[in-house]
Amino acid sequence: MIWLWCNRVQGVQHTFGLLFRKNYASKKTLPVLTLFTKDPCPLCDEAKEVLKPLKNRFILQEVDITLPENSAWYDRYKFDIPVFHLNGQFLMMHKVNFSKLEKNLKKLEQQNN
């Protein structure tokens, strides 16, 4: 009886493992859009609103340049926020260039297919 129960548990675990791997493999990794910001930043808030139609095509990561660990970013961008990097590469500053972002997202999506 115990042997039968153990085999059933192993079968269920194997099935779930295959389903998990299939679902995980089918999902593409989204690019990371990094927003260099500070609090308060009305221009950054406005930029985030402009980004909403594309929000399912990237992961938004915010970096507060006023934190001590981000002092290098503060020195570099203190007069230019909002600043955006896409996958670690500079993309735009001061405001969202929607067409430029969409073009770069399409390029990354094509590379992942």
PDB file of N, CA and C in Angstrom:
ATOM      1  N   MET A   1       0.824  -1.192   0.000  1.00  0.00           N
ATOM      2  CA  MET A   1       0.000   0.000   0.000  1.00  0.00           C
ATOM      3  C   MET A   1       0.870   1.259   0.000  1.00  0.00           C
ATOM      4  N   ILE A   2       1.901   1.261   0.852  1.00  0.00           N
ATOM      5  CA  ILE A   2       2.804   2.414   0.904  1.00  0.00           C
ATOM      6  C   ILE A   2       3.516   2.585  -0.425  1.00  0.00           C
ATOM      7  N   TRP A   3       3.923   1.477  -1.042  1.00  0.00           N
ATOM      8  CA  TRP A   3       4.618   1.535  -2.327  1.00  0.00           C
ATOM      9  C   TRP A   3       3.732   2.201  -3.379  1.00  0.00           C
ATOM     10  N   LEU A   4       2.434   1.832  -3.418  1.00  0.00           N
ATOM     11  CA  LEU A   4       1.494   2.399  -4.371  1.00  0.00           C
ATOM     12  C   LEU A   4       1.326   3.903  -4.147  1.00  0.00           C
ATOM     13  N   TRP A   5       1.209   4.311  -2.887  1.00  0.00           N
ATOM     14  CA  TRP A   5       1.066   5.733  -2.554  1.00  0.00           C
ATOM     15  C   TRP A   5       2.302   6.520  -2.984  1.00  0.00           C
ATOM     16  N   CYS A   6       3.490   5.965  -2.729  1.00  0.00           N
ATOM     17  CA  CYS A   6       4.739   6.646  -3.104  1.00  0.00           C
ATOM     18  C   CYS A   6       4.836   6.805  -4.618  1.00  0.00           C
ATOM     19  N   ASN A   7       4.451   5.784  -5.363  1.00  0.00           N
ATOM     20  CA  ASN A   7       4.489   5.873  -6.824  1.00  0.00           C
ATOM     21  C   ASN A   7       3.528   6.938  -7.348  1.00  0.00           C
ATOM     22  N   ARG A   8       2.361   7.052  -6.729  1.00  0.00           N
ATOM     23  CA  ARG A   8       1.403   8.084  -7.138  1.00  0.00           C
ATOM     24  C   ARG A   8       1.960   9.479  -6.864  1.00  0.00           C
ATOM     25  N   VAL A   9       2.555   9.669  -5.696  1.00  0.00           N
ATOM     26  CA  VAL A   9       3.143  10.963  -5.348  1.00  0.00           C
ATOM     27  C   VAL A   9       4.249  11.320  -6.326  1.00  0.00           C
ATOM     28  N   GLN A  10       5.100  10.339  -6.645  1.00  0.00           N
ATOM     29  CA  GLN A  10       6.180  10.600  -7.600  1.00  0.00           C
ATOM     30  C   GLN A  10       5.632  10.939  -8.979  1.00  0.00           C
ATOM     31  N   GLY A  11       4.560  10.271  -9.390  1.00  0.00           N
ATOM     32  CA  GLY A  11       3.935  10.558 -10.679  1.00  0.00           C
ATOM     33  C   GLY A  11       3.369  11.965 -10.734  1.00  0.00           C
ATOM     34  N   VAL A  12       2.716  12.382  -9.661  1.00  0.00           N
ATOM     35  CA  VAL A  12       2.158  13.734  -9.584  1.00  0.00           C
ATOM     36  C   VAL A  12       3.280  14.761  -9.601  1.00  0.00           C
ATOM     37  N   GLN A  13       4.344  14.506  -8.831  1.00  0.00           N
ATOM     38  CA  GLN A  13       5.476  15.429  -8.808  1.00  0.00           C
ATOM     39  C   GLN A  13       6.096  15.556 -10.201  1.00  0.00           C
ATOM     40  N   HIS A  14       6.228  14.428 -10.910  1.00  0.00           N
ATOM     41  CA  HIS A  14       6.810  14.451 -12.253  1.00  0.00           C
ATOM     42  C   HIS A  14       5.928  15.273 -13.196  1.00  0.00           C
ATOM     43  N   THR A  15       4.611  15.050 -13.125  1.00  0.00           N
ATOM     44  CA  THR A  15       3.677  15.781 -13.985  1.00  0.00           C
ATOM     45  C   THR A  15       3.749  17.278 -13.716  1.00  0.00           C
ATOM     46  N   PHE A  16       3.728  17.685 -12.438  1.00  0.00           N
ATOM     47  CA  PHE A  16       3.823  19.105 -12.108  1.00  0.00           C
ATOM     48  C   PHE A  16       5.153  19.685 -12.559  1.00  0.00           C
ATOM     49  N   GLY A  17       6.215  18.920 -12.416  1.00  0.00           N
ATOM     50  CA  GLY A  17       7.531  19.383 -12.860  1.00  0.00           C
ATOM     51  C   GLY A  17       7.558  19.657 -14.352  1.00  0.00           C
ATOM     52  N   LEU A  18       6.961  18.751 -15.150  1.00  0.00           N
ATOM     53  CA  LEU A  18       6.905  18.961 -16.595  1.00  0.00           C
ATOM     54  C   LEU A  18       6.065  20.176 -16.953  1.00  0.00           C
ATOM     55  N   LEU A  19       4.925  20.343 -16.285  1.00  0.00           N
ATOM     56  CA  LEU A  19       4.077  21.508 -16.544  1.00  0.00           C
ATOM     57  C   LEU A  19       4.797  22.797 -16.196  1.00  0.00           C
ATOM     58  N   PHE A  20       5.483  22.806 -15.048  1.00  0.00           N
ATOM     59  CA  PHE A  20       6.211  24.000 -14.629  1.00  0.00           C
ATOM     60  C   PHE A  20       7.287  24.361 -15.637  1.00  0.00           C
ATOM     61  N   ARG A  21       8.073  23.361 -16.058  1.00  0.00           N
ATOM     62  CA  ARG A  21       9.144  23.621 -17.015  1.00  0.00           C
ATOM     63  C   ARG A  21       8.597  24.123 -18.342  1.00  0.00           C
ATOM     64  N   LYS A  22       7.485  23.547 -18.796  1.00  0.00           N
ATOM     65  CA  LYS A  22       6.885  23.972 -20.061  1.00  0.00           C
ATOM     66  C   LYS A  22       6.405  25.418 -19.966  1.00  0.00           C
ATOM     67  N   ASN A  23       5.699  25.764 -18.889  1.00  0.00           N
ATOM     68  CA  ASN A  23       5.214  27.134 -18.725  1.00  0.00           C
ATOM     69  C   ASN A  23       6.360  28.111 -18.537  1.00  0.00           C
ATOM     70  N   TYR A  24       7.350  27.751 -17.777  1.00  0.00           N
ATOM     71  CA  TYR A  24       8.488  28.625 -17.520  1.00  0.00           C
ATOM     72  C   TYR A  24       9.269  28.874 -18.809  1.00  0.00           C
ATOM     73  N   ALA A  25       9.485  27.821 -19.586  1.00  0.00           N
ATOM     74  CA  ALA A  25      10.265  27.954 -20.815  1.00  0.00           C
ATOM     75  C   ALA A  25       9.529  28.775 -21.869  1.00  0.00           C
ATOM     76  N   SER A  26       8.189  28.736 -21.828  1.00  0.00           N
ATOM     77  CA  SER A  26       7.435  29.453 -22.841  1.00  0.00           C
ATOM     78  C   SER A  26       7.362  30.952 -22.569  1.00  0.00           C
ATOM     79  N   LYS A  27       7.669  31.360 -21.364  1.00  0.00           N
ATOM     80  CA  LYS A  27       7.612  32.780 -21.030  1.00  0.00           C
ATOM     81  C   LYS A  27       8.944  33.445 -21.349  1.00  0.00           C
ATOM     82  N   LYS A  28       8.859  34.537 -22.043  1.00  0.00           N
ATOM     83  CA  LYS A  28      10.058  35.283 -22.399  1.00  0.00           C
ATOM     84  C   LYS A  28      10.454  36.187 -21.234  1.00  0.00           C
ATOM     85  N   THR A  29      11.728  36.429 -21.137  1.00  0.00           N
ATOM     86  CA  THR A  29      12.216  37.361 -20.140  1.00  0.00           C
ATOM     87  C   THR A  29      11.982  38.772 -20.650  1.00  0.00           C
ATOM     88  N   LEU A  30      11.319  39.563 -19.848  1.00  0.00           N
ATOM     89  CA  LEU A  30      11.038  40.943 -20.245  1.00  0.00           C
ATOM     90  C   LEU A  30      12.274  41.809 -20.053  1.00  0.00           C
ATOM     91  N   PRO A  31      12.462  42.790 -20.927  1.00  0.00           N
ATOM     92  CA  PRO A  31      13.574  43.720 -20.740  1.00  0.00           C
ATOM     93  C   PRO A  31      13.335  44.594 -19.509  1.00  0.00           C
ATOM     94  N   VAL A  32      14.406  45.135 -18.967  1.00  0.00           N
ATOM     95  CA  VAL A  32      14.325  45.986 -17.785  1.00  0.00           C
ATOM     96  C   VAL A  32      14.504  47.438 -18.208  1.00  0.00           C
ATOM     97  N   LEU A  33      13.489  48.231 -17.890  1.00  0.00           N
ATOM     98  CA  LEU A  33      13.559  49.670 -18.113  1.00  0.00           C
ATOM     99  C   LEU A  33      13.854  50.308 -16.767  1.00  0.00           C
ATOM    100  N   THR A  34      15.022  50.909 -16.636  1.00  0.00           N
ATOM    101  CA  THR A  34      15.434  51.525 -15.380  1.00  0.00           C
ATOM    102  C   THR A  34      15.145  53.018 -15.441  1.00  0.00           C
ATOM    103  N   LEU A  35      14.438  53.487 -14.429  1.00  0.00           N
ATOM    104  CA  LEU A  35      14.118  54.907 -14.294  1.00  0.00           C
ATOM    105  C   LEU A  35      14.962  55.473 -13.162  1.00  0.00           C
ATOM    106  N   PHE A  36      15.844  56.402 -13.483  1.00  0.00           N
ATOM    107  CA  PHE A  36      16.624  57.104 -12.473  1.00  0.00           C
ATOM    108  C   PHE A  36      15.794  58.300 -12.027  1.00  0.00           C
ATOM    109  N   THR A  37      15.499  58.368 -10.730  1.00  0.00           N
ATOM    110  CA  THR A  37      14.539  59.317 -10.197  1.00  0.00           C
ATOM    111  C   THR A  37      14.961  59.787  -8.818  1.00  0.00           C
ATOM    112  N   LYS A  38      14.161  60.634  -8.225  1.00  0.00           N
ATOM    113  CA  LYS A  38      14.302  61.038  -6.828  1.00  0.00           C
ATOM    114  C   LYS A  38      12.909  61.415  -6.343  1.00  0.00           C
ATOM    115  N   ASP A  39      12.784  61.659  -5.058  1.00  0.00           N
ATOM    116  CA  ASP A  39      11.483  62.013  -4.490  1.00  0.00           C
ATOM    117  C   ASP A  39      11.562  63.396  -3.881  1.00  0.00           C
ATOM    118  N   PRO A  40      10.774  64.323  -4.283  1.00  0.00           N
ATOM    119  CA  PRO A  40       9.746  64.241  -5.321  1.00  0.00           C
ATOM    120  C   PRO A  40      10.337  64.481  -6.707  1.00  0.00           C
ATOM    121  N   CYS A  41       9.605  63.995  -7.709  1.00  0.00           N
ATOM    122  CA  CYS A  41       9.992  64.220  -9.103  1.00  0.00           C
ATOM    123  C   CYS A  41       8.729  64.219  -9.958  1.00  0.00           C
ATOM    124  N   PRO A  42       8.096  65.366 -10.098  1.00  0.00           N
ATOM    125  CA  PRO A  42       6.873  65.440 -10.899  1.00  0.00           C
ATOM    126  C   PRO A  42       7.074  65.003 -12.355  1.00  0.00           C
ATOM    127  N   LEU A  43       8.240  65.306 -12.926  1.00  0.00           N
ATOM    128  CA  LEU A  43       8.504  64.869 -14.300  1.00  0.00           C
ATOM    129  C   LEU A  43       8.584  63.350 -14.393  1.00  0.00           C
ATOM    130  N   CYS A  44       9.108  62.716 -13.338  1.00  0.00           N
ATOM    131  CA  CYS A  44       9.182  61.253 -13.308  1.00  0.00           C
ATOM    132  C   CYS A  44       7.780  60.656 -13.195  1.00  0.00           C
ATOM    133  N   ASP A  45       6.936  61.267 -12.367  1.00  0.00           N
ATOM    134  CA  ASP A  45       5.555  60.805 -12.230  1.00  0.00           C
ATOM    135  C   ASP A  45       4.823  60.903 -13.564  1.00  0.00           C
ATOM    136  N   GLU A  46       5.046  61.999 -14.254  1.00  0.00           N
ATOM    137  CA  GLU A  46       4.441  62.192 -15.575  1.00  0.00           C
ATOM    138  C   GLU A  46       4.954  61.143 -16.562  1.00  0.00           C
ATOM    139  N   ALA A  47       6.245  60.867 -16.511  1.00  0.00           N
ATOM    140  CA  ALA A  47       6.847  59.874 -17.409  1.00  0.00           C
ATOM    141  C   ALA A  47       6.251  58.488 -17.156  1.00  0.00           C
ATOM    142  N   LYS A  48       6.039  58.138 -15.890  1.00  0.00           N
ATOM    143  CA  LYS A  48       5.456  56.829 -15.573  1.00  0.00           C
ATOM    144  C   LYS A  48       4.041  56.707 -16.124  1.00  0.00           C
ATOM    145  N   GLU A  49       3.306  57.794 -16.144  1.00  0.00           N
ATOM    146  CA  GLU A  49       1.965  57.781 -16.735  1.00  0.00           C
ATOM    147  C   GLU A  49       2.043  57.528 -18.240  1.00  0.00           C
ATOM    148  N   VAL A  50       2.998  58.160 -18.897  1.00  0.00           N
ATOM    149  CA  VAL A  50       3.172  57.985 -20.341  1.00  0.00           C
ATOM    150  C   VAL A  50       3.543  56.536 -20.671  1.00  0.00           C
ATOM    151  N   LEU A  51       4.252  55.863 -19.762  1.00  0.00           N
ATOM    152  CA  LEU A  51       4.707  54.488 -19.985  1.00  0.00           C
ATOM    153  C   LEU A  51       3.605  53.442 -19.838  1.00  0.00           C
ATOM    154  N   LYS A  52       2.511  53.788 -19.211  1.00  0.00           N
ATOM    155  CA  LYS A  52       1.477  52.803 -18.881  1.00  0.00           C
ATOM    156  C   LYS A  52       0.999  51.949 -20.060  1.00  0.00           C
ATOM    157  N   PRO A  53       0.802  52.481 -21.260  1.00  0.00           N
ATOM    158  CA  PRO A  53       0.343  51.614 -22.352  1.00  0.00           C
ATOM    159  C   PRO A  53       1.330  50.493 -22.722  1.00  0.00           C
ATOM    160  N   LEU A  54       2.597  50.661 -22.370  1.00  0.00           N
ATOM    161  CA  LEU A  54       3.618  49.656 -22.702  1.00  0.00           C
ATOM    162  C   LEU A  54       4.033  48.819 -21.491  1.00  0.00           C
ATOM    163  N   LYS A  55       3.373  48.979 -20.357  1.00  0.00           N
ATOM    164  CA  LYS A  55       3.842  48.397 -19.097  1.00  0.00           C
ATOM    165  C   LYS A  55       3.971  46.875 -19.107  1.00  0.00           C
ATOM    166  N   ASN A  56       3.270  46.179 -19.989  1.00  0.00           N
ATOM    167  CA  ASN A  56       3.364  44.715 -20.043  1.00  0.00           C
ATOM    168  C   ASN A  56       4.539  44.228 -20.877  1.00  0.00           C
ATOM    169  N   ARG A  57       5.291  45.153 -21.448  1.00  0.00           N
ATOM    170  CA  ARG A  57       6.402  44.774 -22.327  1.00  0.00           C
ATOM    171  C   ARG A  57       7.768  44.965 -21.686  1.00  0.00           C
ATOM    172  N   PHE A  58       7.807  45.425 -20.423  1.00  0.00           N
ATOM    173  CA  PHE A  58       9.082  45.608 -19.727  1.00  0.00           C
ATOM    174  C   PHE A  58       8.851  45.545 -18.223  1.00  0.00           C
ATOM    175  N   ILE A  59       9.947  45.408 -17.513  1.00  0.00           N
ATOM    176  CA  ILE A  59       9.944  45.500 -16.046  1.00  0.00           C
ATOM    177  C   ILE A  59      10.498  46.864 -15.703  1.00  0.00           C
ATOM    178  N   LEU A  60       9.726  47.645 -14.957  1.00  0.00           N
ATOM    179  CA  LEU A  60      10.186  48.981 -14.564  1.00  0.00           C
ATOM    180  C   LEU A  60      10.944  48.883 -13.245  1.00  0.00           C
ATOM    181  N   GLN A  61      12.179  49.332 -13.266  1.00  0.00           N
ATOM    182  CA  GLN A  61      13.026  49.357 -12.079  1.00  0.00           C
ATOM    183  C   GLN A  61      13.342  50.815 -11.789  1.00  0.00           C
ATOM    184  N   GLU A  62      13.044  51.254 -10.581  1.00  0.00           N
ATOM    185  CA  GLU A  62      13.319  52.642 -10.219  1.00  0.00           C
ATOM    186  C   GLU A  62      14.563  52.717  -9.337  1.00  0.00           C
ATOM    187  N   VAL A  63      15.428  53.671  -9.636  1.00  0.00           N
ATOM    188  CA  VAL A  63      16.641  53.892  -8.857  1.00  0.00           C
ATOM    189  C   VAL A  63      16.564  55.311  -8.301  1.00  0.00           C
ATOM    190  N   ASP A  64      16.500  55.406  -6.982  1.00  0.00           N
ATOM    191  CA  ASP A  64      16.477  56.710  -6.309  1.00  0.00           C
ATOM    192  C   ASP A  64      17.916  57.209  -6.218  1.00  0.00           C
ATOM    193  N   ILE A  65      18.221  58.235  -6.982  1.00  0.00           N
ATOM    194  CA  ILE A  65      19.605  58.711  -7.055  1.00  0.00           C
ATOM    195  C   ILE A  65      20.044  59.447  -5.790  1.00  0.00           C
ATOM    196  N   THR A  66      19.107  59.753  -4.896  1.00  0.00           N
ATOM    197  CA  THR A  66      19.476  60.460  -3.656  1.00  0.00           C
ATOM    198  C   THR A  66      19.934  59.520  -2.554  1.00  0.00           C
ATOM    199  N   LEU A  67      19.788  58.216  -2.742  1.00  0.00           N
ATOM    200  CA  LEU A  67      20.267  57.273  -1.728  1.00  0.00           C
ATOM    201  C   LEU A  67      21.794  57.216  -1.747  1.00  0.00           C
ATOM    202  N   PRO A  68      22.415  57.064  -0.574  1.00  0.00           N
ATOM    203  CA  PRO A  68      23.892  57.068  -0.522  1.00  0.00           C
ATOM    204  C   PRO A  68      24.548  56.044  -1.450  1.00  0.00           C
ATOM    205  N   GLU A  69      23.945  54.881  -1.585  1.00  0.00           N
ATOM    206  CA  GLU A  69      24.547  53.840  -2.435  1.00  0.00           C
ATOM    207  C   GLU A  69      24.449  54.177  -3.928  1.00  0.00           C
ATOM    208  N   ASN A  70      23.664  55.201  -4.265  1.00  0.00           N
ATOM    209  CA  ASN A  70      23.520  55.606  -5.667  1.00  0.00           C
ATOM    210  C   ASN A  70      24.171  56.956  -5.965  1.00  0.00           C
ATOM    211  N   SER A  71      25.176  57.326  -5.175  1.00  0.00           N
ATOM    212  CA  SER A  71      25.799  58.642  -5.327  1.00  0.00           C
ATOM    213  C   SER A  71      26.443  58.839  -6.697  1.00  0.00           C
ATOM    214  N   ALA A  72      26.940  57.779  -7.299  1.00  0.00           N
ATOM    215  CA  ALA A  72      27.528  57.905  -8.643  1.00  0.00           C
ATOM    216  C   ALA A  72      26.457  58.304  -9.658  1.00  0.00           C
ATOM    217  N   TRP A  73      25.258  57.727  -9.517  1.00  0.00           N
ATOM    218  CA  TRP A  73      24.150  58.094 -10.405  1.00  0.00           C
ATOM    219  C   TRP A  73      23.700  59.529 -10.125  1.00  0.00           C
ATOM    220  N   TYR A  74      23.740  59.928  -8.866  1.00  0.00           N
ATOM    221  CA  TYR A  74      23.375  61.298  -8.517  1.00  0.00           C
ATOM    222  C   TYR A  74      24.318  62.291  -9.197  1.00  0.00           C
ATOM    223  N   ASP A  75      25.617  62.025  -9.092  1.00  0.00           N
ATOM    224  CA  ASP A  75      26.605  62.913  -9.717  1.00  0.00           C
ATOM    225  C   ASP A  75      26.396  62.999 -11.230  1.00  0.00           C
ATOM    226  N   ARG A  76      25.980  61.907 -11.815  1.00  0.00           N
ATOM    227  CA  ARG A  76      25.833  61.850 -13.266  1.00  0.00           C
ATOM    228  C   ARG A  76      24.512  62.456 -13.753  1.00  0.00           C
ATOM    229  N   TYR A  77      23.423  62.241 -12.996  1.00  0.00           N
ATOM    230  CA  TYR A  77      22.096  62.588 -13.509  1.00  0.00           C
ATOM    231  C   TYR A  77      21.319  63.612 -12.682  1.00  0.00           C
ATOM    232  N   LYS A  78      21.946  64.270 -11.725  1.00  0.00           N
ATOM    233  CA  LYS A  78      21.200  65.152 -10.821  1.00  0.00           C
ATOM    234  C   LYS A  78      20.429  66.264 -11.519  1.00  0.00           C
ATOM    235  N   PHE A  79      20.871  66.686 -12.682  1.00  0.00           N
ATOM    236  CA  PHE A  79      20.177  67.754 -13.402  1.00  0.00           C
ATOM    237  C   PHE A  79      19.366  67.246 -14.600  1.00  0.00           C
ATOM    238  N   ASP A  80      19.265  65.934 -14.756  1.00  0.00           N
ATOM    239  CA  ASP A  80      18.671  65.385 -15.975  1.00  0.00           C
ATOM    240  C   ASP A  80      17.493  64.438 -15.767  1.00  0.00           C
ATOM    241  N   ILE A  81      17.100  64.161 -14.536  1.00  0.00           N
ATOM    242  CA  ILE A  81      16.033  63.184 -14.348  1.00  0.00           C
ATOM    243  C   ILE A  81      14.711  63.712 -14.885  1.00  0.00           C
ATOM    244  N   PRO A  82      13.883  62.837 -15.388  1.00  0.00           N
ATOM    245  CA  PRO A  82      14.045  61.389 -15.443  1.00  0.00           C
ATOM    246  C   PRO A  82      15.029  60.950 -16.538  1.00  0.00           C
ATOM    247  N   VAL A  83      15.753  59.900 -16.214  1.00  0.00           N
ATOM    248  CA  VAL A  83      16.675  59.268 -17.155  1.00  0.00           C
ATOM    249  C   VAL A  83      16.280  57.801 -17.246  1.00  0.00           C
ATOM    250  N   PHE A  84      16.330  57.250 -18.448  1.00  0.00           N
ATOM    251  CA  PHE A  84      15.943  55.856 -18.669  1.00  0.00           C
ATOM    252  C   PHE A  84      17.076  55.072 -19.307  1.00  0.00           C
ATOM    253  N   HIS A  85      17.281  53.864 -18.790  1.00  0.00           N
ATOM    254  CA  HIS A  85      18.175  52.883 -19.402  1.00  0.00           C
ATOM    255  C   HIS A  85      17.311  51.676 -19.755  1.00  0.00           C
ATOM    256  N   LEU A  86      17.594  51.048 -20.873  1.00  0.00           N
ATOM    257  CA  LEU A  86      16.915  49.821 -21.264  1.00  0.00           C
ATOM    258  C   LEU A  86      17.943  48.709 -21.275  1.00  0.00           C
ATOM    259  N   ASN A  87      17.731  47.727 -20.419  1.00  0.00           N
ATOM    260  CA  ASN A  87      18.685  46.614 -20.245  1.00  0.00           C
ATOM    261  C   ASN A  87      20.106  47.120 -20.003  1.00  0.00           C
ATOM    262  N   GLY A  88      20.218  48.151 -19.170  1.00  0.00           N
ATOM    263  CA  GLY A  88      21.526  48.648 -18.763  1.00  0.00           C
ATOM    264  C   GLY A  88      22.160  49.660 -19.703  1.00  0.00           C
ATOM    265  N   GLN A  89      21.507  49.966 -20.816  1.00  0.00           N
ATOM    266  CA  GLN A  89      22.055  50.906 -21.787  1.00  0.00           C
ATOM    267  C   GLN A  89      21.226  52.191 -21.781  1.00  0.00           C
ATOM    268  N   PHE A  90      21.905  53.336 -21.802  1.00  0.00           N
ATOM    269  CA  PHE A  90      21.204  54.612 -21.836  1.00  0.00           C
ATOM    270  C   PHE A  90      20.215  54.626 -23.000  1.00  0.00           C
ATOM    271  N   LEU A  91      18.992  55.137 -22.728  1.00  0.00           N
ATOM    272  CA  LEU A  91      17.972  55.219 -23.762  1.00  0.00           C
ATOM    273  C   LEU A  91      17.490  56.646 -23.995  1.00  0.00           C
ATOM    274  N   MET A  92      17.139  57.358 -22.911  1.00  0.00           N
ATOM    275  CA  MET A  92      16.588  58.709 -23.070  1.00  0.00           C
ATOM    276  C   MET A  92      16.599  59.438 -21.737  1.00  0.00           C
ATOM    277  N   MET A  93      16.435  60.766 -21.800  1.00  0.00           N
ATOM    278  CA  MET A  93      16.358  61.570 -20.577  1.00  0.00           C
ATOM    279  C   MET A  93      15.386  62.718 -20.762  1.00  0.00           C
ATOM    280  N   HIS A  94      14.992  63.297 -19.645  1.00  0.00           N
ATOM    281  CA  HIS A  94      14.109  64.460 -19.530  1.00  0.00           C
ATOM    282  C   HIS A  94      12.637  64.146 -19.750  1.00  0.00           C
ATOM    283  N   LYS A  95      12.305  63.349 -20.740  1.00  0.00           N
ATOM    284  CA  LYS A  95      10.919  62.932 -20.968  1.00  0.00           C
ATOM    285  C   LYS A  95      10.929  61.632 -21.755  1.00  0.00           C
ATOM    286  N   VAL A  96       9.777  60.985 -21.794  1.00  0.00           N
ATOM    287  CA  VAL A  96       9.668  59.722 -22.517  1.00  0.00           C
ATOM    288  C   VAL A  96       9.525  59.992 -24.008  1.00  0.00           C
ATOM    289  N   ASN A  97      10.415  59.383 -24.773  1.00  0.00           N
ATOM    290  CA  ASN A  97      10.294  59.373 -26.225  1.00  0.00           C
ATOM    291  C   ASN A  97       9.610  58.045 -26.556  1.00  0.00           C
ATOM    292  N   PHE A  98       8.278  58.092 -26.655  1.00  0.00           N
ATOM    293  CA  PHE A  98       7.466  56.894 -26.787  1.00  0.00           C
ATOM    294  C   PHE A  98       7.865  56.065 -28.007  1.00  0.00           C
ATOM    295  N   SER A  99       8.054  56.704 -29.134  1.00  0.00           N
ATOM    296  CA  SER A  99       8.394  55.967 -30.353  1.00  0.00           C
ATOM    297  C   SER A  99       9.772  55.313 -30.250  1.00  0.00           C
ATOM    298  N   LYS A 100      10.722  55.994 -29.631  1.00  0.00           N
ATOM    299  CA  LYS A 100      12.064  55.420 -29.452  1.00  0.00           C
ATOM    300  C   LYS A 100      11.998  54.195 -28.546  1.00  0.00           C
ATOM    301  N   LEU A 101      11.235  54.307 -27.450  1.00  0.00           N
ATOM    302  CA  LEU A 101      11.093  53.171 -26.541  1.00  0.00           C
ATOM    303  C   LEU A 101      10.422  52.006 -27.246  1.00  0.00           C
ATOM    304  N   GLU A 102       9.343  52.263 -27.951  1.00  0.00           N
ATOM    305  CA  GLU A 102       8.627  51.191 -28.643  1.00  0.00           C
ATOM    306  C   GLU A 102       9.519  50.521 -29.688  1.00  0.00           C
ATOM    307  N   LYS A 103      10.275  51.309 -30.425  1.00  0.00           N
ATOM    308  CA  LYS A 103      11.195  50.774 -31.435  1.00  0.00           C
ATOM    309  C   LYS A 103      12.234  49.850 -30.794  1.00  0.00           C
ATOM    310  N   ASN A 104      12.799  50.281 -29.662  1.00  0.00           N
ATOM    311  CA  ASN A 104      13.806  49.468 -28.974  1.00  0.00           C
ATOM    312  C   ASN A 104      13.197  48.213 -28.361  1.00  0.00           C
ATOM    313  N   LEU A 105      11.981  48.312 -27.852  1.00  0.00           N
ATOM    314  CA  LEU A 105      11.301  47.127 -27.312  1.00  0.00           C
ATOM    315  C   LEU A 105      11.034  46.117 -28.422  1.00  0.00           C
ATOM    316  N   LYS A 106      10.586  46.588 -29.577  1.00  0.00           N
ATOM    317  CA  LYS A 106      10.339  45.688 -30.712  1.00  0.00           C
ATOM    318  C   LYS A 106      11.618  44.975 -31.129  1.00  0.00           C
ATOM    319  N   LYS A 107      12.714  45.720 -31.160  1.00  0.00           N
ATOM    320  CA  LYS A 107      13.999  45.129 -31.536  1.00  0.00           C
ATOM    321  C   LYS A 107      14.386  44.008 -30.559  1.00  0.00           C
ATOM    322  N   LEU A 108      14.216  44.262 -29.264  1.00  0.00           N
ATOM    323  CA  LEU A 108      14.539  43.235 -28.263  1.00  0.00           C
ATOM    324  C   LEU A 108      13.606  42.043 -28.367  1.00  0.00           C
ATOM    325  N   GLU A 109      12.339  42.289 -28.625  1.00  0.00           N
ATOM    326  CA  GLU A 109      11.375  41.192 -28.765  1.00  0.00           C
ATOM    327  C   GLU A 109      11.709  40.327 -29.964  1.00  0.00           C
ATOM    328  N   GLN A 110      12.138  40.931 -31.071  1.00  0.00           N
ATOM    329  CA  GLN A 110      12.520  40.169 -32.251  1.00  0.00           C
ATOM    330  C   GLN A 110      13.770  39.341 -32.003  1.00  0.00           C
ATOM    331  N   GLN A 111      14.691  39.866 -31.216  1.00  0.00           N
ATOM    332  CA  GLN A 111      15.904  39.129 -30.883  1.00  0.00           C
ATOM    333  C   GLN A 111      15.585  37.910 -30.017  1.00  0.00           C
ATOM    334  N   ASN A 112      14.548  38.003 -29.184  1.00  0.00           N
ATOM    335  CA  ASN A 112      14.170  36.899 -28.295  1.00  0.00           C
ATOM    336  C   ASN A 112      13.345  35.830 -28.977  1.00  0.00           C
ATOM    337  N   ASN A 113      12.854  36.083 -30.184  1.00  0.00           N
ATOM    338  CA  ASN A 113      12.042  35.077 -30.901  1.00  0.00           C
ATOM    339  C   ASN A 113      12.875  34.161 -31.715  1.00  0.00           C
TER     340      ASN A 113
END
